[in-house]
Amino acid sequence: MALALQTFATVKDANAALKAQGTRYLGGGTLVVRAANEGDVSVSGLVRSTEPSLST
């Protein structure tokens, strides 16, 4: 199973991408990578944001 990783500059753009079926947000404290490693086939894509306000 391959996972697609998409990176967006803003939270707004990342949120729009999360509307696609099978996508999950990849951020600090999420368990999405664990689920994917355990074979959860409902996860097909990961979305993350590099918006600076998320790291302050």
Protein backbone atom coordinates (compact mmCIF):
# COMPACT_ATOMS: atom_id res chain seq x y z
CA MET A 1 0.00 0.00 0.00
CA ALA A 2 1.47 3.35 -1.05
CA LEU A 3 0.69 6.55 0.79
CA ALA A 4 0.63 9.93 -0.91
CA LEU A 5 2.04 12.84 1.09
CA GLN A 6 0.86 16.34 0.24
CA THR A 7 2.33 19.46 1.82
CA PHE A 8 0.53 22.80 1.83
CA ALA A 9 1.72 26.26 2.85
CA THR A 10 -1.54 27.15 4.60
CA VAL A 11 -3.97 25.38 6.89
CA LYS A 12 -6.79 26.50 4.62
CA ASP A 13 -5.28 24.64 1.65
CA ALA A 14 -4.54 21.57 3.78
CA ASN A 15 -8.12 21.56 5.01
CA ALA A 16 -9.42 21.64 1.45
CA ALA A 17 -7.25 18.62 0.60
CA LEU A 18 -8.68 16.70 3.56
CA LYS A 19 -12.05 16.57 1.84
CA ALA A 20 -10.72 13.77 -0.38
CA GLN A 21 -11.66 10.29 0.77
CA GLY A 22 -8.92 8.42 2.62
CA THR A 23 -6.83 11.46 3.53
CA ARG A 24 -5.71 12.17 7.08
CA TYR A 25 -3.88 15.11 8.65
CA LEU A 26 -0.28 14.42 9.64
CA GLY A 27 0.72 16.51 12.63
CA GLY A 28 2.30 16.27 16.03
CA GLY A 29 0.63 13.68 18.20
CA THR A 30 -1.45 12.05 15.47
CA LEU A 31 -1.69 8.29 15.27
CA VAL A 32 -2.18 8.20 11.52
CA VAL A 33 1.26 6.75 10.74
CA ARG A 34 0.73 4.00 13.29
CA ALA A 35 -2.62 3.15 11.70
CA ALA A 36 -1.06 3.02 8.24
CA ASN A 37 1.80 0.83 9.47
CA GLU A 38 -0.70 -1.54 11.05
CA GLY A 39 -2.44 -1.99 7.70
CA ASP A 40 -5.39 0.40 7.96
CA VAL A 41 -6.38 0.48 4.28
CA SER A 42 -8.76 3.39 4.83
CA VAL A 43 -5.72 5.72 4.88
CA SER A 44 -4.51 6.46 1.36
CA GLY A 45 -3.04 9.93 1.72
CA LEU A 46 -1.40 12.15 4.29
CA VAL A 47 -1.78 15.93 4.39
CA ARG A 48 0.43 18.34 6.29
CA SER A 49 0.83 22.10 6.53
CA THR A 50 3.98 24.20 6.89
CA GLU A 51 2.11 27.29 8.04
CA PRO A 52 4.43 29.10 10.49
CA SER A 53 1.66 29.82 13.00
CA LEU A 54 1.38 26.09 13.74
CA SER A 55 4.83 26.00 15.34
CA THR A 56 4.53 28.92 17.71
